[in-house]
Amino acid sequence: MKKLFIYGVLSFLVCHVSPAQTIDELIIASETLYKETNSKLVFPAERSSFRFRPYQASDSTYAAHEIQLKKLQKEKINDDLGLVFKANAQYNFKDDLDEETNNYTRSRIKTELEWNILRSGFVQNRHKAIQLDNEIAILQQQKNRQDKINWRRQFRVDYTYSINEELISLFQNKLDFLHSYFDILSRLYHQKRVKREDFINISQQILVTEAELENTQTLNHQIIDSVSGYYKNEKLPILFIKNINRINTFGDVFTDSIQIENIRLKHHWLNNISFSVYTNYNWLQTNMNQRDFVSAGLRLRMPLSFKRRRQIEKIEILRGQAIRLDKQLGTQNAQMTYYNGYREKVRDLKNQYKKWVLVQENKRTLCIIKKEMQEQETGLELLKLQIAQFEILENVLRLKMQLYTTIVHLYELSELLEVVPFQFEQDEEPEVLITSSESGFDIAFQTEFLKAKDIGKVYILAEEEYLKAYWEAAGFTVYILNTQTTQISLHKWIQQEYQLLKTQT
């Protein structure tokens, strides 16, 4: 409110202190402002190609460290053949009577080399190595997903900064325009040629634009240290998904299969059986003599109950599948949400483009009418249309940022997604009938009007075929008709456009 009051005071001073300007001078000022601004009002151009730059992983995530740990554990297990060395030494400070031999044991030493073949040994270690390979494969998928998340987060900073730079440039151009427009309106209001609400509305627009500019500059200042630099000085194109049907959310099926294999290895029946071979060396000292000997043998330990093993294995597999299906459902729901958001943004962008085309046509038509009919009011109406174009461009940039947000989420789900620069559809060209019976506008004006509307073909009735030569010489494609059907008369169209523009303004 304070700033709005200041603008009101300034407009009062401009109106009552500055020398009054003639209408002709103000018309010239408005025309100059229009021409200077027109070059800055450009709809975002299409680019021939665009490719997402891949994220460079730094291998600093939890999954990356876990993968490295699993690889070392696997190497350690592969080096472990299941060999175990045991040693036992005993010395008695008091005589230990052996009742069988009637000797006193002084000391004894026993060493043993055991090879565990099944449980806690060679076979189980091979199973553990396979399990670790599977866990590494699962972790690699997790790492790939994390890398994509990191890429999305970094790219969001990048495209936010890039699009904000476009917004900053747009706001600065808009402010320059609004200040000049405000000055013209203030002088016209002093001469009672415009309503007070007109320049009050412009004052409010100036305040809003200044606030938006300040907020956008502040945000870019806060994130500039996090920008990667890939898109720092680049205007990003508006994107379109070329192959939405290639989005794939079923990548966890592979993870599901290797998790099943790990569960089955975990519950393998050999894991419950201990079997080993050993050889040992024994040395014994008594009060009578000392002796040593070597022996070899087998050890087997096997539980007599295997109940519930299969059931437990089955339930663990079903539990893992249920978790995976739940995650997959969540991913599919996210995909639908992002895709619906994407379609909504595409629809909004197309609507903004249609508005832009309509405003461009209205500007060209107004320029022709101003030249033909010497309408002074059309100068201000052209400036109003430029304000509308500033608003359209701001909406387009904000929609572009929202569009990038939905697309990168979809790209995160599937790198098969292919994006191309957005191509806006052109409306179908209307069929225009040229007649000589209606002479309200001269033929040169009619030609300029059609070119302003981007019309490249016209229709002429057979009885007036003599008009064909002129219109072909003017660069139009001419079609001859026996009777008028759905074609619109050029004379009536010009009148409708003129009345419509007068109503809108």
Protein backbone atom coordinates (compact mmCIF):
# COMPACT_ATOMS: atom_id res chain seq x y z
CA MET A 1 0.00 0.00 0.00
CA LYS A 2 2.90 2.34 0.76
CA LYS A 3 4.40 1.86 -2.69
CA LEU A 4 0.98 2.25 -4.32
CA PHE A 5 0.57 5.58 -2.52
CA ILE A 6 4.00 6.68 -3.79
CA TYR A 7 2.98 5.87 -7.37
CA GLY A 8 -0.18 7.91 -6.88
CA VAL A 9 1.81 10.91 -5.66
CA LEU A 10 4.23 10.55 -8.58
CA SER A 11 1.37 10.45 -11.07
CA PHE A 12 -0.07 13.62 -9.49
CA LEU A 13 3.27 15.42 -9.74
CA VAL A 14 3.77 14.27 -13.32
CA CYS A 15 0.32 15.53 -14.27
CA HIS A 16 0.52 18.92 -12.54
CA VAL A 17 4.19 19.88 -12.56
CA SER A 18 5.51 18.58 -15.89
CA PRO A 19 4.72 20.55 -19.04
CA ALA A 20 1.66 19.21 -20.75
CA GLN A 21 2.30 17.10 -23.81
CA THR A 22 0.16 17.26 -26.90
CA ILE A 23 -1.83 14.26 -28.05
CA ASP A 24 0.45 13.88 -31.04
CA GLU A 25 3.50 13.71 -28.77
CA LEU A 26 1.85 11.06 -26.61
CA ILE A 27 0.86 9.06 -29.68
CA ILE A 28 4.46 9.17 -30.87
CA ALA A 29 5.65 8.11 -27.39
CA SER A 30 3.23 5.17 -27.35
CA GLU A 31 4.32 4.10 -30.84
CA THR A 32 7.99 4.31 -29.83
CA LEU A 33 7.31 2.26 -26.67
CA TYR A 34 5.39 -0.31 -28.73
CA LYS A 35 8.22 -0.73 -31.25
CA GLU A 36 10.93 -0.94 -28.55
CA THR A 37 8.96 -3.54 -26.58
CA ASN A 38 7.89 -5.61 -29.57
CA SER A 39 11.41 -6.95 -30.16
CA LYS A 40 11.52 -8.23 -26.56
CA LEU A 41 8.25 -10.14 -26.81
CA VAL A 42 9.28 -13.45 -28.35
CA PHE A 43 7.55 -16.74 -27.71
CA PRO A 44 10.06 -19.45 -26.62
CA ALA A 45 11.59 -20.85 -29.79
CA GLU A 46 11.72 -24.55 -30.55
CA ARG A 47 15.06 -26.33 -30.64
CA SER A 48 15.94 -29.14 -33.00
CA SER A 49 17.29 -31.47 -30.31
CA PHE A 50 17.70 -31.86 -26.57
CA ARG A 51 19.26 -34.54 -24.38
CA PHE A 52 19.37 -34.92 -20.62
CA ARG A 53 22.94 -34.84 -19.40
CA PRO A 54 23.57 -37.92 -17.21
CA TYR A 55 24.32 -37.54 -13.52
CA GLN A 56 27.94 -38.24 -12.63
CA ALA A 57 27.76 -40.51 -9.56
CA SER A 58 30.36 -39.85 -6.87
CA ASP A 59 29.96 -43.32 -5.26
CA SER A 60 29.38 -41.67 -1.91
CA THR A 61 25.93 -43.09 -1.24
CA TYR A 62 25.08 -45.74 1.34
CA ALA A 63 24.46 -48.29 -1.43
CA ALA A 64 27.90 -47.62 -2.99
CA HIS A 65 29.69 -48.26 0.31
CA GLU A 66 27.55 -51.32 0.99
CA ILE A 67 28.44 -52.76 -2.43
CA GLN A 68 32.14 -52.30 -1.72
CA LEU A 69 31.72 -54.00 1.66
CA LYS A 70 29.85 -56.96 0.12
CA LYS A 71 32.58 -57.42 -2.51
CA LEU A 72 35.26 -57.59 0.19
CA GLN A 73 33.17 -60.05 2.20
CA LYS A 74 32.78 -62.22 -0.90
CA GLU A 75 36.54 -62.21 -1.53
CA LYS A 76 37.12 -63.23 2.08
CA ILE A 77 34.59 -66.10 1.85
CA ASN A 78 36.06 -67.35 -1.43
CA ASP A 79 39.48 -67.49 0.24
CA ASP A 80 38.01 -69.53 3.11
CA LEU A 81 38.14 -73.25 2.20
CA GLY A 82 36.70 -74.31 5.56
CA LEU A 83 40.06 -75.30 7.11
CA VAL A 84 40.32 -74.90 10.88
CA PHE A 85 43.44 -75.36 13.01
CA LYS A 86 42.98 -76.30 16.67
CA ALA A 87 45.57 -76.59 19.44
CA ASN A 88 45.32 -77.59 23.09
CA ALA A 89 48.15 -77.68 25.65
CA GLN A 90 47.92 -78.68 29.33
CA TYR A 91 50.41 -78.83 32.21
CA ASN A 92 49.44 -80.19 35.66
CA PHE A 93 51.06 -78.60 38.73
CA LYS A 94 49.81 -81.51 40.80
CA ASP A 95 49.87 -85.10 39.79
CA ASP A 96 46.80 -86.17 37.80
CA LEU A 97 46.26 -89.89 38.26
CA ASP A 98 45.07 -91.80 35.21
CA GLU A 99 43.25 -94.74 36.78
CA GLU A 100 43.36 -96.86 33.63
CA THR A 101 47.14 -96.78 33.30
CA ASN A 102 47.95 -96.01 36.92
CA ASN A 103 50.22 -93.19 35.71
CA TYR A 104 50.42 -89.56 36.63
CA THR A 105 49.91 -87.13 33.75
CA ARG A 106 52.39 -84.30 33.77
CA SER A 107 51.46 -82.49 30.47
CA ARG A 108 49.79 -83.03 27.15
CA ILE A 109 49.59 -81.29 23.76
CA LYS A 110 47.04 -81.86 21.03
CA THR A 111 46.98 -80.16 17.59
CA GLU A 112 44.31 -80.73 14.95
CA LEU A 113 43.63 -79.68 11.36
CA GLU A 114 39.91 -79.92 10.49
CA TRP A 115 38.26 -79.40 7.10
CA ASN A 116 34.60 -78.42 7.42
CA ILE A 117 32.90 -79.50 4.21
CA LEU A 118 29.21 -78.62 4.77
CA ARG A 119 27.93 -76.29 7.48
CA SER A 120 30.32 -73.44 8.39
CA GLY A 121 32.66 -74.78 5.75
CA PHE A 122 33.43 -75.14 2.07
CA VAL A 123 29.91 -75.78 0.66
CA GLN A 124 28.15 -73.20 2.82
CA ASN A 125 30.79 -70.62 1.95
CA ARG A 126 30.08 -71.19 -1.74
CA HIS A 127 26.38 -70.62 -1.01
CA LYS A 128 27.22 -67.44 0.90
CA ALA A 129 29.29 -66.20 -2.05
CA ILE A 130 26.30 -66.67 -4.37
CA GLN A 131 24.07 -64.86 -1.86
CA LEU A 132 26.53 -61.98 -1.72
CA ASP A 133 26.55 -61.77 -5.52
CA ASN A 134 22.76 -61.53 -5.45
CA GLU A 135 22.83 -58.91 -2.69
CA ILE A 136 25.36 -56.89 -4.72
CA ALA A 137 23.02 -57.06 -7.74
CA ILE A 138 20.12 -55.80 -5.59
CA LEU A 139 22.28 -53.05 -4.11
CA GLN A 140 23.40 -52.06 -7.60
CA GLN A 141 19.76 -51.54 -8.55
CA GLN A 142 19.28 -49.49 -5.39
CA LYS A 143 22.38 -47.49 -6.27
CA ASN A 144 21.08 -46.88 -9.79
CA ARG A 145 17.80 -45.62 -8.34
CA GLN A 146 19.66 -43.43 -5.88
CA ASP A 147 21.83 -42.07 -8.68
CA LYS A 148 18.66 -41.17 -10.59
CA ILE A 149 17.24 -39.46 -7.51
CA ASN A 150 20.48 -37.51 -7.09
CA TRP A 151 20.39 -36.64 -10.79
CA ARG A 152 16.79 -35.41 -10.49
CA ARG A 153 17.61 -33.28 -7.46
CA GLN A 154 20.63 -31.74 -9.15
CA PHE A 155 18.79 -31.17 -12.42
CA ARG A 156 15.93 -29.51 -10.55
CA VAL A 157 18.38 -26.97 -9.17
CA ASP A 158 19.79 -26.49 -12.69
CA TYR A 159 16.51 -25.98 -14.53
CA THR A 160 15.08 -23.87 -11.71
CA TYR A 161 18.05 -21.52 -11.98
CA SER A 162 17.92 -21.44 -15.78
CA ILE A 163 14.17 -20.75 -16.02
CA ASN A 164 14.39 -18.21 -13.19
CA GLU A 165 17.01 -16.33 -15.22
CA GLU A 166 14.49 -16.15 -18.06
CA LEU A 167 11.85 -14.89 -15.61
CA ILE A 168 14.24 -12.26 -14.25
CA SER A 169 14.93 -10.97 -17.76
CA LEU A 170 11.19 -10.97 -18.52
CA PHE A 171 10.34 -9.09 -15.29
CA GLN A 172 13.02 -6.48 -15.98
CA ASN A 173 11.70 -5.88 -19.50
CA LYS A 174 8.16 -5.77 -18.19
CA LEU A 175 9.08 -3.22 -15.51
CA ASP A 176 10.76 -0.97 -18.07
CA PHE A 177 7.63 -1.18 -20.20
CA LEU A 178 5.21 -0.61 -17.30
CA HIS A 179 7.09 2.46 -16.05
CA SER A 180 6.97 4.05 -19.50
CA TYR A 181 3.34 3.05 -19.93
CA PHE A 182 2.50 4.46 -16.50
CA ASP A 183 4.07 7.79 -17.51
CA ILE A 184 1.98 7.95 -20.71
CA LEU A 185 -1.24 7.05 -18.87
CA SER A 186 -0.60 9.67 -16.19
CA ARG A 187 -0.38 12.42 -18.78
CA LEU A 188 -3.46 11.14 -20.62
CA TYR A 189 -5.36 11.03 -17.33
CA HIS A 190 -4.43 14.66 -16.71
CA GLN A 191 -6.06 15.42 -20.06
CA LYS A 192 -9.08 13.28 -19.03
CA ARG A 193 -8.57 10.82 -21.88
CA VAL A 194 -8.23 7.68 -19.75
CA LYS A 195 -9.92 6.46 -16.59
CA ARG A 196 -8.24 6.73 -13.19
CA GLU A 197 -8.56 2.97 -12.75
CA ASP A 198 -6.30 2.39 -15.76
CA PHE A 199 -3.12 3.80 -14.29
CA ILE A 200 -3.98 2.59 -10.77
CA ASN A 201 -4.12 -0.90 -12.25
CA ILE A 202 -0.72 -0.30 -13.87
CA SER A 203 0.64 0.85 -10.49
CA GLN A 204 -0.47 -2.41 -8.93
CA GLN A 205 1.10 -4.39 -11.76
CA ILE A 206 4.39 -2.56 -11.21
CA LEU A 207 4.35 -3.45 -7.51
CA VAL A 208 3.55 -7.11 -8.22
CA THR A 209 6.26 -7.34 -10.88
CA GLU A 210 8.86 -5.72 -8.61
CA ALA A 211 8.04 -8.22 -5.85
CA GLU A 212 8.24 -11.16 -8.26
CA LEU A 213 11.56 -9.91 -9.62
CA GLU A 214 13.03 -9.51 -6.12
CA ASN A 215 11.83 -12.95 -4.99
CA THR A 216 13.17 -14.67 -8.11
CA GLN A 217 16.55 -12.94 -7.83
CA THR A 218 16.77 -13.92 -4.15
CA LEU A 219 16.05 -17.57 -4.93
CA ASN A 220 18.67 -17.72 -7.68
CA HIS A 221 21.20 -16.07 -5.40
CA GLN A 222 20.54 -18.76 -2.79
CA ILE A 223 20.96 -21.72 -5.15
CA ILE A 224 23.72 -20.45 -7.45
CA ASP A 225 26.45 -22.32 -5.53
CA SER A 226 24.58 -25.61 -6.10
CA VAL A 227 24.11 -25.15 -9.86
CA SER A 228 26.19 -27.65 -11.84
CA GLY A 229 26.90 -25.29 -14.71
CA TYR A 230 25.49 -27.49 -17.48
CA TYR A 231 22.52 -25.22 -18.11
CA LYS A 232 23.69 -22.06 -16.34
CA ASN A 233 23.81 -19.88 -19.45
CA GLU A 234 21.38 -21.89 -21.55
CA LYS A 235 17.69 -21.37 -22.27
CA LEU A 236 16.03 -24.73 -21.88
CA PRO A 237 13.43 -25.70 -24.48
CA ILE A 238 9.86 -26.62 -23.70
CA LEU A 239 9.85 -30.43 -23.81
CA PHE A 240 7.42 -33.04 -25.02
CA ILE A 241 7.44 -36.80 -24.27
CA LYS A 242 7.75 -38.68 -27.55
CA ASN A 243 7.21 -42.24 -26.31
CA ILE A 244 5.17 -42.22 -23.10
CA ASN A 245 4.32 -45.92 -23.61
CA ARG A 246 7.96 -46.87 -22.96
CA ILE A 247 7.80 -45.98 -19.28
CA ASN A 248 8.57 -49.21 -17.41
CA THR A 249 7.97 -49.75 -13.72
CA PHE A 250 8.52 -53.53 -13.63
CA GLY A 251 12.29 -53.50 -13.08
CA ASP A 252 11.88 -55.14 -9.66
CA VAL A 253 10.96 -58.50 -11.25
CA PHE A 254 14.68 -59.25 -11.58
CA THR A 255 15.22 -58.29 -7.92
CA ASP A 256 12.32 -60.56 -6.99
CA SER A 257 13.94 -63.60 -8.64
CA ILE A 258 17.33 -63.20 -7.00
CA GLN A 259 15.75 -62.59 -3.61
CA ILE A 260 13.93 -65.92 -4.03
CA GLU A 261 17.23 -67.61 -4.83
CA ASN A 262 18.80 -66.14 -1.69
CA ILE A 263 15.93 -67.39 0.48
CA ARG A 264 16.32 -70.90 -0.92
CA LEU A 265 20.08 -70.84 -0.36
CA LYS A 266 19.47 -69.64 3.18
CA HIS A 267 17.17 -72.60 3.89
CA HIS A 268 19.19 -75.21 1.95
CA TRP A 269 19.05 -78.57 3.72
CA LEU A 270 22.86 -78.92 3.74
CA ASN A 271 23.11 -75.85 5.98
CA ASN A 272 21.81 -77.94 8.92
CA ILE A 273 24.38 -80.74 8.53
CA SER A 274 27.91 -80.50 9.86
CA PHE A 275 30.44 -82.81 8.22
CA SER A 276 34.20 -82.59 8.46
CA VAL A 277 37.37 -84.63 8.22
CA TYR A 278 40.31 -84.07 10.52
CA THR A 279 43.78 -85.21 11.43
CA ASN A 280 45.52 -84.53 14.72
CA TYR A 281 48.82 -84.95 16.49
CA ASN A 282 48.89 -85.91 20.21
CA TRP A 283 51.81 -85.67 22.67
CA LEU A 284 51.50 -86.99 26.27
CA GLN A 285 54.00 -86.89 29.18
CA THR A 286 53.53 -89.04 32.31
CA ASN A 287 55.68 -89.93 35.36
CA MET A 288 56.75 -93.09 33.57
CA ASN A 289 57.32 -92.02 29.95
CA GLN A 290 56.20 -89.77 27.14
CA ARG A 291 54.59 -90.70 23.86
CA ASP A 292 53.03 -89.15 20.73
CA PHE A 293 50.79 -90.35 17.95
CA VAL A 294 48.84 -89.16 14.87
CA SER A 295 45.19 -89.91 14.18
CA ALA A 296 42.52 -89.06 11.59
CA GLY A 297 38.74 -89.20 11.64
CA LEU A 298 35.31 -87.94 10.50
CA ARG A 299 32.72 -85.83 12.29
CA LEU A 300 29.03 -85.73 11.42
CA ARG A 301 26.31 -83.75 13.13
CA MET A 302 22.75 -83.82 11.74
CA PRO A 303 19.47 -82.78 13.36
CA LEU A 304 16.73 -85.37 13.28
CA SER A 305 13.95 -82.87 12.58
CA PHE A 306 13.47 -81.01 9.24
CA LYS A 307 9.89 -79.94 9.86
CA ARG A 308 8.60 -76.49 8.85
CA ARG A 309 11.70 -75.68 6.75
CA ARG A 310 9.76 -75.71 3.48
CA GLN A 311 6.85 -73.76 4.96
CA ILE A 312 9.14 -71.08 6.39
CA GLU A 313 10.94 -70.79 3.04
CA LYS A 314 7.62 -70.45 1.20
CA ILE A 315 6.29 -67.75 3.56
CA GLU A 316 9.51 -65.73 3.31
CA ILE A 317 9.26 -65.84 -0.51
CA LEU A 318 5.61 -64.73 -0.42
CA ARG A 319 6.47 -61.96 2.05
CA GLY A 320 9.22 -60.65 -0.27
CA GLN A 321 6.89 -60.75 -3.27
CA ALA A 322 4.20 -58.88 -1.34
CA ILE A 323 6.69 -56.15 -0.39
CA ARG A 324 7.84 -55.86 -4.00
CA LEU A 325 4.26 -55.71 -5.35
CA ASP A 326 3.39 -53.03 -2.78
CA LYS A 327 6.36 -50.93 -3.89
CA GLN A 328 5.47 -51.50 -7.53
CA LEU A 329 1.89 -50.36 -6.91
CA GLY A 330 3.23 -47.21 -5.25
CA THR A 331 5.50 -46.59 -8.23
CA GLN A 332 2.64 -47.05 -10.67
CA ASN A 333 0.47 -44.63 -8.68
CA ALA A 334 3.31 -42.10 -8.73
CA GLN A 335 3.67 -42.64 -12.48
CA MET A 336 -0.04 -41.96 -13.05
CA THR A 337 0.15 -38.84 -10.90
CA TYR A 338 3.15 -37.45 -12.77
CA TYR A 339 1.72 -38.36 -16.16
CA ASN A 340 -1.61 -36.71 -15.39
CA GLY A 341 0.31 -33.65 -14.24
CA TYR A 342 2.32 -33.74 -17.45
CA ARG A 343 -0.82 -33.89 -19.61
CA GLU A 344 -2.35 -31.01 -17.66
CA LYS A 345 0.75 -28.84 -18.22
CA VAL A 346 0.81 -29.72 -21.92
CA ARG A 347 -2.83 -28.69 -22.24
CA ASP A 348 -2.19 -25.42 -20.39
CA LEU A 349 0.83 -24.67 -22.60
CA LYS A 350 -1.21 -25.24 -25.74
CA ASN A 351 -3.89 -22.88 -24.41
CA GLN A 352 -1.26 -20.23 -23.69
CA TYR A 353 0.10 -20.63 -27.20
CA LYS A 354 -3.39 -20.17 -28.66
CA LYS A 355 -3.75 -16.99 -26.63
CA TRP A 356 -0.36 -15.82 -27.90
CA VAL A 357 -1.34 -16.46 -31.53
CA LEU A 358 -4.63 -14.63 -31.01
CA VAL A 359 -2.91 -11.61 -29.45
CA GLN A 360 -0.37 -11.57 -32.28
CA GLU A 361 -3.21 -11.56 -34.81
CA ASN A 362 -5.00 -8.80 -32.91
CA LYS A 363 -1.83 -6.71 -32.87
CA ARG A 364 -1.30 -7.09 -36.61
CA THR A 365 -4.96 -6.34 -37.26
CA LEU A 366 -4.88 -3.26 -35.02
CA CYS A 367 -1.78 -1.98 -36.79
CA ILE A 368 -3.53 -2.28 -40.15
CA ILE A 369 -6.75 -0.69 -38.87
CA LYS A 370 -4.79 2.15 -37.26
CA LYS A 371 -3.04 2.79 -40.55
CA GLU A 372 -6.21 2.52 -42.65
CA MET A 373 -8.71 4.33 -40.45
CA GLN A 374 -6.46 6.67 -38.46
CA GLU A 375 -7.79 5.33 -35.14
CA GLN A 376 -5.85 7.08 -32.33
CA GLU A 377 -7.14 4.79 -29.57
CA THR A 378 -5.56 1.77 -31.20
CA GLY A 379 -2.12 2.95 -30.03
CA LEU A 380 -3.03 2.36 -26.38
CA GLU A 381 -4.83 -0.84 -27.28
CA LEU A 382 -1.61 -2.15 -28.82
CA LEU A 383 0.19 -1.45 -25.53
CA LYS A 384 -2.54 -3.29 -23.64
CA LEU A 385 -2.02 -6.28 -25.91
CA GLN A 386 1.70 -6.17 -25.10
CA ILE A 387 0.85 -6.33 -21.40
CA ALA A 388 -1.20 -9.44 -22.18
CA GLN A 389 1.82 -10.90 -23.98
CA PHE A 390 4.04 -10.30 -20.96
CA GLU A 391 1.52 -12.21 -18.85
CA ILE A 392 1.39 -15.06 -21.38
CA LEU A 393 5.19 -15.35 -21.44
CA GLU A 394 5.31 -15.42 -17.63
CA ASN A 395 2.66 -18.16 -17.57
CA VAL A 396 4.59 -20.12 -20.20
CA LEU A 397 7.83 -19.97 -18.19
CA ARG A 398 6.10 -21.07 -15.00
CA LEU A 399 4.37 -23.90 -16.86
CA LYS A 400 7.70 -24.88 -18.38
CA MET A 401 9.18 -25.25 -14.89
CA GLN A 402 6.21 -27.36 -13.77
CA LEU A 403 6.48 -29.42 -16.97
CA TYR A 404 10.16 -30.14 -16.28
CA THR A 405 9.26 -31.27 -12.76
CA THR A 406 6.78 -33.88 -14.03
CA ILE A 407 9.02 -35.03 -16.90
CA VAL A 408 12.12 -35.60 -14.74
CA HIS A 409 10.06 -37.66 -12.29
CA LEU A 410 8.89 -39.82 -15.22
CA TYR A 411 12.44 -39.98 -16.59
CA GLU A 412 13.60 -41.15 -13.18
CA LEU A 413 11.18 -44.09 -13.46
CA SER A 414 12.49 -45.07 -16.89
CA GLU A 415 15.54 -43.88 -18.82
CA LEU A 416 13.87 -45.26 -21.97
CA LEU A 417 11.72 -42.14 -21.92
CA GLU A 418 12.54 -39.98 -24.94
CA VAL A 419 11.90 -36.25 -24.92
CA VAL A 420 11.87 -33.84 -27.84
CA PRO A 421 11.35 -30.07 -28.07
CA PHE A 422 7.68 -29.14 -27.86
CA GLN A 423 5.96 -28.48 -31.19
CA PHE A 424 2.87 -26.33 -30.91
CA GLU A 425 0.01 -27.17 -33.25
CA GLN A 426 -1.23 -24.51 -35.60
CA ASP A 427 -4.95 -23.92 -35.96
CA GLU A 428 -6.47 -24.90 -39.26
CA GLU A 429 -6.45 -22.03 -41.74
CA PRO A 430 -9.94 -20.57 -42.34
CA GLU A 431 -11.39 -20.51 -45.85
CA VAL A 432 -11.78 -16.89 -47.01
CA LEU A 433 -13.98 -15.82 -49.92
CA ILE A 434 -12.96 -12.78 -51.98
CA THR A 435 -15.71 -10.79 -53.72
CA SER A 436 -15.74 -7.53 -55.67
CA SER A 437 -19.33 -6.64 -54.78
CA GLU A 438 -18.32 -5.49 -51.29
CA SER A 439 -16.03 -2.49 -51.66
CA GLY A 440 -15.87 -1.20 -48.09
CA PHE A 441 -12.09 -1.71 -47.94
CA ASP A 442 -9.57 -1.21 -50.71
CA ILE A 443 -7.82 -4.24 -52.11
CA ALA A 444 -4.37 -3.31 -50.72
CA PHE A 445 -5.85 -3.18 -47.21
CA GLN A 446 -7.53 -6.54 -47.75
CA THR A 447 -4.20 -8.03 -48.80
CA GLU A 448 -2.44 -6.68 -45.71
CA PHE A 449 -5.23 -7.97 -43.47
CA LEU A 450 -4.95 -11.52 -44.84
CA LYS A 451 -1.16 -11.53 -44.49
CA ALA A 452 -1.54 -10.31 -40.91
CA LYS A 453 -3.78 -13.32 -40.30
CA ASP A 454 -1.22 -15.69 -41.91
CA ILE A 455 -3.71 -16.66 -44.61
CA GLY A 456 -2.04 -18.19 -47.66
CA LYS A 457 -5.01 -19.27 -49.75
CA VAL A 458 -8.26 -17.57 -50.82
CA TYR A 459 -11.44 -18.58 -52.66
CA ILE A 460 -13.10 -16.76 -55.57
CA LEU A 461 -16.48 -17.40 -57.17
CA ALA A 462 -16.42 -18.57 -60.77
CA GLU A 463 -18.20 -15.45 -62.04
CA GLU A 464 -15.38 -13.28 -60.63
CA GLU A 465 -12.47 -15.36 -61.88
CA TYR A 466 -10.86 -12.16 -63.24
CA LEU A 467 -9.73 -11.45 -59.65
CA LYS A 468 -7.54 -14.54 -59.68
CA ALA A 469 -4.56 -12.90 -61.41
CA TYR A 470 -4.22 -10.12 -58.83
CA TRP A 471 -4.38 -12.40 -55.79
CA GLU A 472 -1.93 -14.87 -57.28
CA ALA A 473 0.44 -12.01 -58.02
CA ALA A 474 0.08 -10.97 -54.37
CA GLY A 475 1.36 -14.42 -53.33
CA PHE A 476 -1.88 -16.23 -52.51
CA THR A 477 -3.08 -19.63 -53.68
CA VAL A 478 -6.44 -19.14 -55.37
CA TYR A 479 -9.29 -21.67 -55.59
CA ILE A 480 -12.33 -21.20 -57.84
CA LEU A 481 -15.81 -21.99 -56.45
CA ASN A 482 -19.11 -22.40 -58.22
CA THR A 483 -21.09 -21.56 -55.06
CA GLN A 484 -20.20 -20.30 -51.58
CA THR A 485 -20.52 -22.98 -48.86
CA THR A 486 -18.60 -22.66 -45.57
CA GLN A 487 -16.27 -19.88 -46.67
CA ILE A 488 -16.29 -16.60 -44.76
CA SER A 489 -16.52 -13.33 -46.66
CA LEU A 490 -13.34 -11.27 -46.26
CA HIS A 491 -15.32 -8.02 -45.99
CA LYS A 492 -17.52 -9.39 -43.19
CA TRP A 493 -14.49 -10.86 -41.42
CA ILE A 494 -12.73 -7.49 -41.34
CA GLN A 495 -15.84 -5.83 -39.95
CA GLN A 496 -16.22 -8.54 -37.29
CA GLU A 497 -12.58 -8.22 -36.26
CA TYR A 498 -12.84 -4.46 -36.01
CA GLN A 499 -15.97 -4.61 -33.88
CA LEU A 500 -14.47 -7.35 -31.71
CA LEU A 501 -11.33 -5.33 -31.09
CA LYS A 502 -13.39 -2.24 -30.22
CA THR A 503 -15.45 -4.34 -27.77
CA GLN A 504 -12.36 -5.87 -26.15
CA THR A 505 -10.69 -2.52 -25.75
